[in-house]
N, C-alpha and C. Protein backbone atom coordinates (compact mmCIF):
# COMPACT_ATOMS: atom_id res chain seq x y z
N MET A 1 0.79 -1.13 -0.07
CA MET A 1 0.01 -0.03 -0.01
C MET A 1 0.77 1.18 0.07
N TRP A 2 1.95 1.18 0.79
CA TRP A 2 2.79 2.35 0.90
C TRP A 2 3.55 2.64 -0.43
N LYS A 3 4.00 1.67 -0.93
CA LYS A 3 4.66 1.71 -2.55
C LYS A 3 3.63 2.28 -3.36
N GLN A 4 2.33 1.85 -3.39
CA GLN A 4 1.32 2.54 -4.36
C GLN A 4 1.02 3.91 -4.00
N ALA A 5 0.92 4.23 -2.77
CA ALA A 5 0.58 5.64 -2.31
C ALA A 5 1.75 6.60 -2.81
N LEU A 6 2.99 6.06 -2.55
CA LEU A 6 4.01 6.89 -3.06
C LEU A 6 4.10 7.22 -4.63
N THR A 7 3.50 6.29 -5.30
CA THR A 7 3.30 6.50 -6.84
C THR A 7 2.12 7.13 -7.31
N GLY A 8 1.53 7.51 -6.36
CA GLY A 8 0.27 8.21 -6.86
C GLY A 8 -1.06 7.99 -6.48
N GLY A 9 -1.22 6.68 -6.27
CA GLY A 9 -2.66 6.29 -5.58
C GLY A 9 -2.61 4.88 -5.20
N VAL A 10 -3.58 4.44 -4.33
CA VAL A 10 -3.79 2.99 -4.00
C VAL A 10 -5.05 2.52 -4.65
N ASN A 11 -4.97 1.40 -5.19
CA ASN A 11 -6.13 0.76 -5.86
C ASN A 11 -7.01 0.06 -4.87
N LEU A 12 -8.29 -0.08 -5.25
CA LEU A 12 -9.22 -0.50 -4.20
C LEU A 12 -8.95 -2.12 -3.73
N SER A 13 -8.37 -2.84 -4.60
CA SER A 13 -8.02 -4.28 -4.00
C SER A 13 -6.94 -4.14 -2.98
N THR A 14 -6.13 -3.39 -3.04
CA THR A 14 -4.89 -3.25 -2.08
C THR A 14 -5.62 -2.53 -0.87
N THR A 15 -6.35 -1.44 -1.01
CA THR A 15 -7.11 -0.91 0.20
C THR A 15 -7.94 -2.02 0.99
N MET A 16 -8.52 -2.81 0.29
CA MET A 16 -9.49 -3.82 0.95
C MET A 16 -8.66 -4.81 1.57
N GLN A 17 -7.50 -5.27 1.08
CA GLN A 17 -6.68 -6.22 1.57
C GLN A 17 -6.06 -5.65 2.93
N VAL A 18 -5.67 -4.44 2.97
CA VAL A 18 -5.15 -3.86 4.16
C VAL A 18 -6.36 -3.64 5.22
N ARG A 19 -7.45 -3.17 4.91
CA ARG A 19 -8.57 -3.28 5.85
C ARG A 19 -8.98 -4.56 6.36
N LEU A 20 -8.93 -5.60 5.42
CA LEU A 20 -9.12 -7.05 5.99
C LEU A 20 -8.20 -7.39 7.03
N ALA A 21 -6.91 -7.02 6.70
CA ALA A 21 -5.77 -7.45 7.63
C ALA A 21 -5.88 -6.68 8.87
N ALA A 22 -6.45 -5.43 9.03
CA ALA A 22 -6.57 -4.63 10.12
C ALA A 22 -7.73 -5.10 10.90
N THR A 23 -8.86 -5.61 10.24
CA THR A 23 -9.92 -6.07 10.92
C THR A 23 -9.60 -7.41 11.57
N ASN A 24 -8.86 -8.23 10.83
CA ASN A 24 -8.33 -9.54 11.46
C ASN A 24 -7.58 -9.30 12.70
N ALA A 25 -6.65 -8.40 12.62
CA ALA A 25 -5.68 -8.11 13.80
C ALA A 25 -6.62 -7.39 14.94
N ALA A 26 -7.68 -6.63 14.73
CA ALA A 26 -8.34 -6.11 15.86
C ALA A 26 -9.27 -7.40 16.39
N ARG A 27 -9.73 -8.09 15.50
CA ARG A 27 -10.74 -9.24 16.17
C ARG A 27 -9.84 -10.27 16.94
N GLN A 28 -8.68 -10.63 16.44
CA GLN A 28 -7.74 -11.52 17.04
C GLN A 28 -7.19 -10.84 18.49
N GLY A 29 -6.98 -9.60 18.41
CA GLY A 29 -6.42 -9.01 19.64
C GLY A 29 -7.63 -9.09 20.69
N ALA A 30 -8.80 -8.76 20.26
CA ALA A 30 -9.93 -8.89 21.24
C ALA A 30 -10.23 -10.32 21.66
N GLU A 31 -9.91 -11.31 20.88
CA GLU A 31 -10.09 -12.58 21.26
C GLU A 31 -9.05 -12.99 22.41
N VAL A 32 -7.70 -12.56 22.07
CA VAL A 32 -6.73 -12.83 22.94
C VAL A 32 -7.09 -12.26 24.32
N CYS A 33 -7.71 -11.12 24.33
CA CYS A 33 -8.04 -10.39 25.52
C CYS A 33 -9.12 -11.16 26.37
N ARG A 34 -10.23 -11.49 25.53
CA ARG A 34 -11.26 -12.46 26.21
C ARG A 34 -10.64 -13.74 26.67
N ILE A 35 -9.73 -14.50 26.05
CA ILE A 35 -9.35 -15.70 26.67
C ILE A 35 -8.30 -15.33 27.87
N SER A 36 -7.76 -14.29 27.88
CA SER A 36 -6.89 -14.05 29.03
C SER A 36 -7.78 -13.64 30.19
N SER A 37 -8.79 -12.90 29.97
CA SER A 37 -9.64 -12.56 30.91
C SER A 37 -10.21 -13.84 31.72
N GLY A 38 -10.73 -14.73 30.79
CA GLY A 38 -11.28 -16.04 31.19
C GLY A 38 -10.28 -16.86 32.05
N LEU A 39 -9.16 -16.81 31.69
CA LEU A 39 -8.08 -17.58 32.41
C LEU A 39 -7.75 -16.91 33.71
N ALA A 40 -7.84 -15.66 33.75
CA ALA A 40 -7.38 -14.80 34.88
C ALA A 40 -8.46 -15.07 36.00
N GLY A 41 -9.71 -15.47 35.78
CA GLY A 41 -10.65 -15.59 36.80
C GLY A 41 -11.46 -14.31 37.25
N THR A 42 -11.88 -14.31 38.31
CA THR A 42 -12.78 -13.15 38.81
C THR A 42 -11.90 -11.97 39.04
N GLU A 43 -10.60 -12.04 39.13
CA GLU A 43 -9.78 -10.97 39.30
C GLU A 43 -9.76 -9.86 38.13
N ALA A 44 -9.99 -10.52 36.92
CA ALA A 44 -10.17 -9.70 35.79
C ALA A 44 -11.51 -8.97 35.60
N LEU A 45 -12.31 -9.17 36.57
CA LEU A 45 -13.70 -8.42 36.61
C LEU A 45 -13.68 -7.17 37.13
N TYR A 46 -12.80 -6.87 38.08
CA TYR A 46 -12.78 -5.58 38.80
C TYR A 46 -12.33 -4.49 37.88
N THR A 47 -13.07 -3.33 38.00
CA THR A 47 -12.54 -2.26 37.24
C THR A 47 -11.11 -1.50 37.56
N SER A 48 -10.58 -2.11 38.71
CA SER A 48 -9.10 -1.75 38.87
C SER A 48 -8.33 -2.63 38.15
N SER A 49 -8.77 -3.66 37.51
CA SER A 49 -7.90 -4.66 36.77
C SER A 49 -7.36 -3.98 35.64
N ASN A 50 -6.08 -4.04 35.25
CA ASN A 50 -5.57 -3.62 33.99
C ASN A 50 -6.11 -4.51 32.91
N LEU A 51 -6.19 -5.95 33.16
CA LEU A 51 -6.75 -6.65 32.25
C LEU A 51 -8.29 -6.36 31.80
N ALA A 52 -8.95 -6.14 32.69
CA ALA A 52 -10.59 -5.60 32.37
C ALA A 52 -10.41 -4.46 31.43
N ARG A 53 -9.49 -3.54 31.74
CA ARG A 53 -9.33 -2.30 30.87
C ARG A 53 -8.87 -2.63 29.46
N ALA A 54 -7.84 -3.51 29.41
CA ALA A 54 -7.58 -4.03 28.15
C ALA A 54 -8.53 -4.78 27.35
N MET A 55 -9.21 -5.56 27.98
CA MET A 55 -10.35 -6.36 27.28
C MET A 55 -11.41 -5.30 26.78
N CYS A 56 -11.75 -4.26 27.56
CA CYS A 56 -12.79 -3.32 27.10
C CYS A 56 -12.36 -2.63 25.82
N ASP A 57 -10.93 -2.10 26.14
CA ASP A 57 -10.27 -1.45 24.88
C ASP A 57 -10.34 -2.19 23.64
N SER A 58 -9.91 -3.35 23.79
CA SER A 58 -9.82 -4.29 22.64
C SER A 58 -11.03 -4.58 22.04
N PHE A 59 -12.29 -4.62 22.69
CA PHE A 59 -13.53 -4.48 22.10
C PHE A 59 -13.94 -3.50 21.43
N VAL A 60 -13.56 -2.30 21.97
CA VAL A 60 -13.85 -0.88 21.22
C VAL A 60 -13.28 -0.94 19.96
N VAL A 61 -12.02 -1.29 19.98
CA VAL A 61 -11.36 -1.31 18.60
C VAL A 61 -11.89 -2.24 17.66
N ALA A 62 -12.23 -3.31 17.77
CA ALA A 62 -12.80 -4.54 17.08
C ALA A 62 -14.11 -3.96 16.53
N GLN A 63 -14.89 -3.06 17.30
CA GLN A 63 -16.31 -2.69 16.99
C GLN A 63 -16.20 -1.42 16.21
N HIS A 64 -15.13 -0.82 16.08
CA HIS A 64 -15.10 0.62 15.40
C HIS A 64 -15.53 0.47 14.06
N ALA A 65 -16.14 1.53 13.66
CA ALA A 65 -16.61 1.44 12.16
C ALA A 65 -15.71 1.16 11.14
N ALA A 66 -14.36 1.39 11.34
CA ALA A 66 -13.37 1.18 10.31
C ALA A 66 -12.85 -0.38 10.26
N LEU A 67 -13.40 -1.16 11.42
CA LEU A 67 -12.95 -2.54 11.65
C LEU A 67 -14.02 -3.44 11.80
N ASN A 68 -15.29 -3.12 11.87
CA ASN A 68 -16.46 -3.92 12.15
C ASN A 68 -16.73 -4.78 11.08
N GLU A 69 -18.00 -5.52 11.38
CA GLU A 69 -18.48 -6.55 10.38
C GLU A 69 -18.71 -6.01 9.00
N GLY A 70 -18.94 -4.70 9.02
CA GLY A 70 -19.37 -4.09 7.69
C GLY A 70 -18.08 -4.08 6.66
N THR A 71 -16.91 -3.97 7.42
CA THR A 71 -15.61 -4.03 6.74
C THR A 71 -15.37 -5.46 5.81
N LEU A 72 -15.89 -6.45 6.49
CA LEU A 72 -15.77 -7.80 5.92
C LEU A 72 -16.67 -7.83 4.52
N GLN A 73 -17.94 -7.32 4.79
CA GLN A 73 -18.85 -7.19 3.68
C GLN A 73 -18.19 -6.54 2.51
N SER A 74 -18.09 -5.22 2.80
CA SER A 74 -17.43 -4.28 1.75
C SER A 74 -16.26 -4.99 1.02
N ALA A 75 -15.33 -5.47 1.73
CA ALA A 75 -14.09 -6.06 1.19
C ALA A 75 -14.50 -7.33 0.33
N GLY A 76 -15.45 -8.04 0.73
CA GLY A 76 -15.97 -9.12 -0.03
C GLY A 76 -16.50 -8.77 -1.21
N LEU A 77 -17.35 -7.77 -1.21
CA LEU A 77 -17.89 -7.19 -2.36
C LEU A 77 -16.98 -6.62 -3.37
N ALA A 78 -15.99 -5.77 -2.87
CA ALA A 78 -14.97 -5.28 -3.63
C ALA A 78 -13.98 -6.09 -4.42
N LEU A 79 -13.70 -7.37 -3.57
CA LEU A 79 -12.73 -8.37 -4.09
C LEU A 79 -13.58 -9.25 -5.10
N LEU A 80 -14.89 -9.27 -5.18
CA LEU A 80 -15.64 -9.89 -6.31
C LEU A 80 -15.97 -9.07 -7.27
N GLY A 81 -15.57 -7.64 -7.34
CA GLY A 81 -15.81 -6.80 -8.57
C GLY A 81 -17.15 -6.14 -8.43
N THR A 82 -17.95 -6.18 -7.24
CA THR A 82 -19.01 -5.49 -7.09
C THR A 82 -18.71 -4.03 -6.43
N ALA A 83 -19.46 -3.05 -7.17
CA ALA A 83 -19.27 -1.56 -6.66
C ALA A 83 -19.65 -1.50 -5.06
N ILE A 84 -18.75 -0.74 -4.37
CA ILE A 84 -19.07 -0.44 -2.94
C ILE A 84 -19.29 0.90 -2.75
N GLN A 85 -19.91 1.32 -1.59
CA GLN A 85 -19.83 2.71 -1.34
C GLN A 85 -18.69 3.16 -0.72
N PRO A 86 -18.22 4.40 -0.88
CA PRO A 86 -17.04 4.88 -0.36
C PRO A 86 -17.12 5.12 1.09
N GLY A 87 -16.05 5.20 1.81
CA GLY A 87 -15.98 5.56 3.18
C GLY A 87 -16.12 4.24 4.06
N PHE A 88 -16.50 4.32 5.35
CA PHE A 88 -16.65 3.19 6.23
C PHE A 88 -18.13 2.67 6.19
N PRO A 89 -18.27 1.49 6.39
CA PRO A 89 -17.12 0.33 6.26
C PRO A 89 -16.71 0.16 4.72
């Protein structure tokens, strides 16, 4: 994507692949926090817990408009050659 941007523009396929990678990273990070919280037991439930905060923060990232379920749908449409609306998702 960076090389394309330096030469004047990024094509839609590359944009969608990067968005898919970012969406996957956010979802996997949230899943790691969810599993870690489960393994930590009740200690992770308290608002003073760093793990509880990390779990909440990871869920916010995964649910953000730029990385939510709509991104997967838009990327699928774009990669199949169907027109998509600009912007998020």
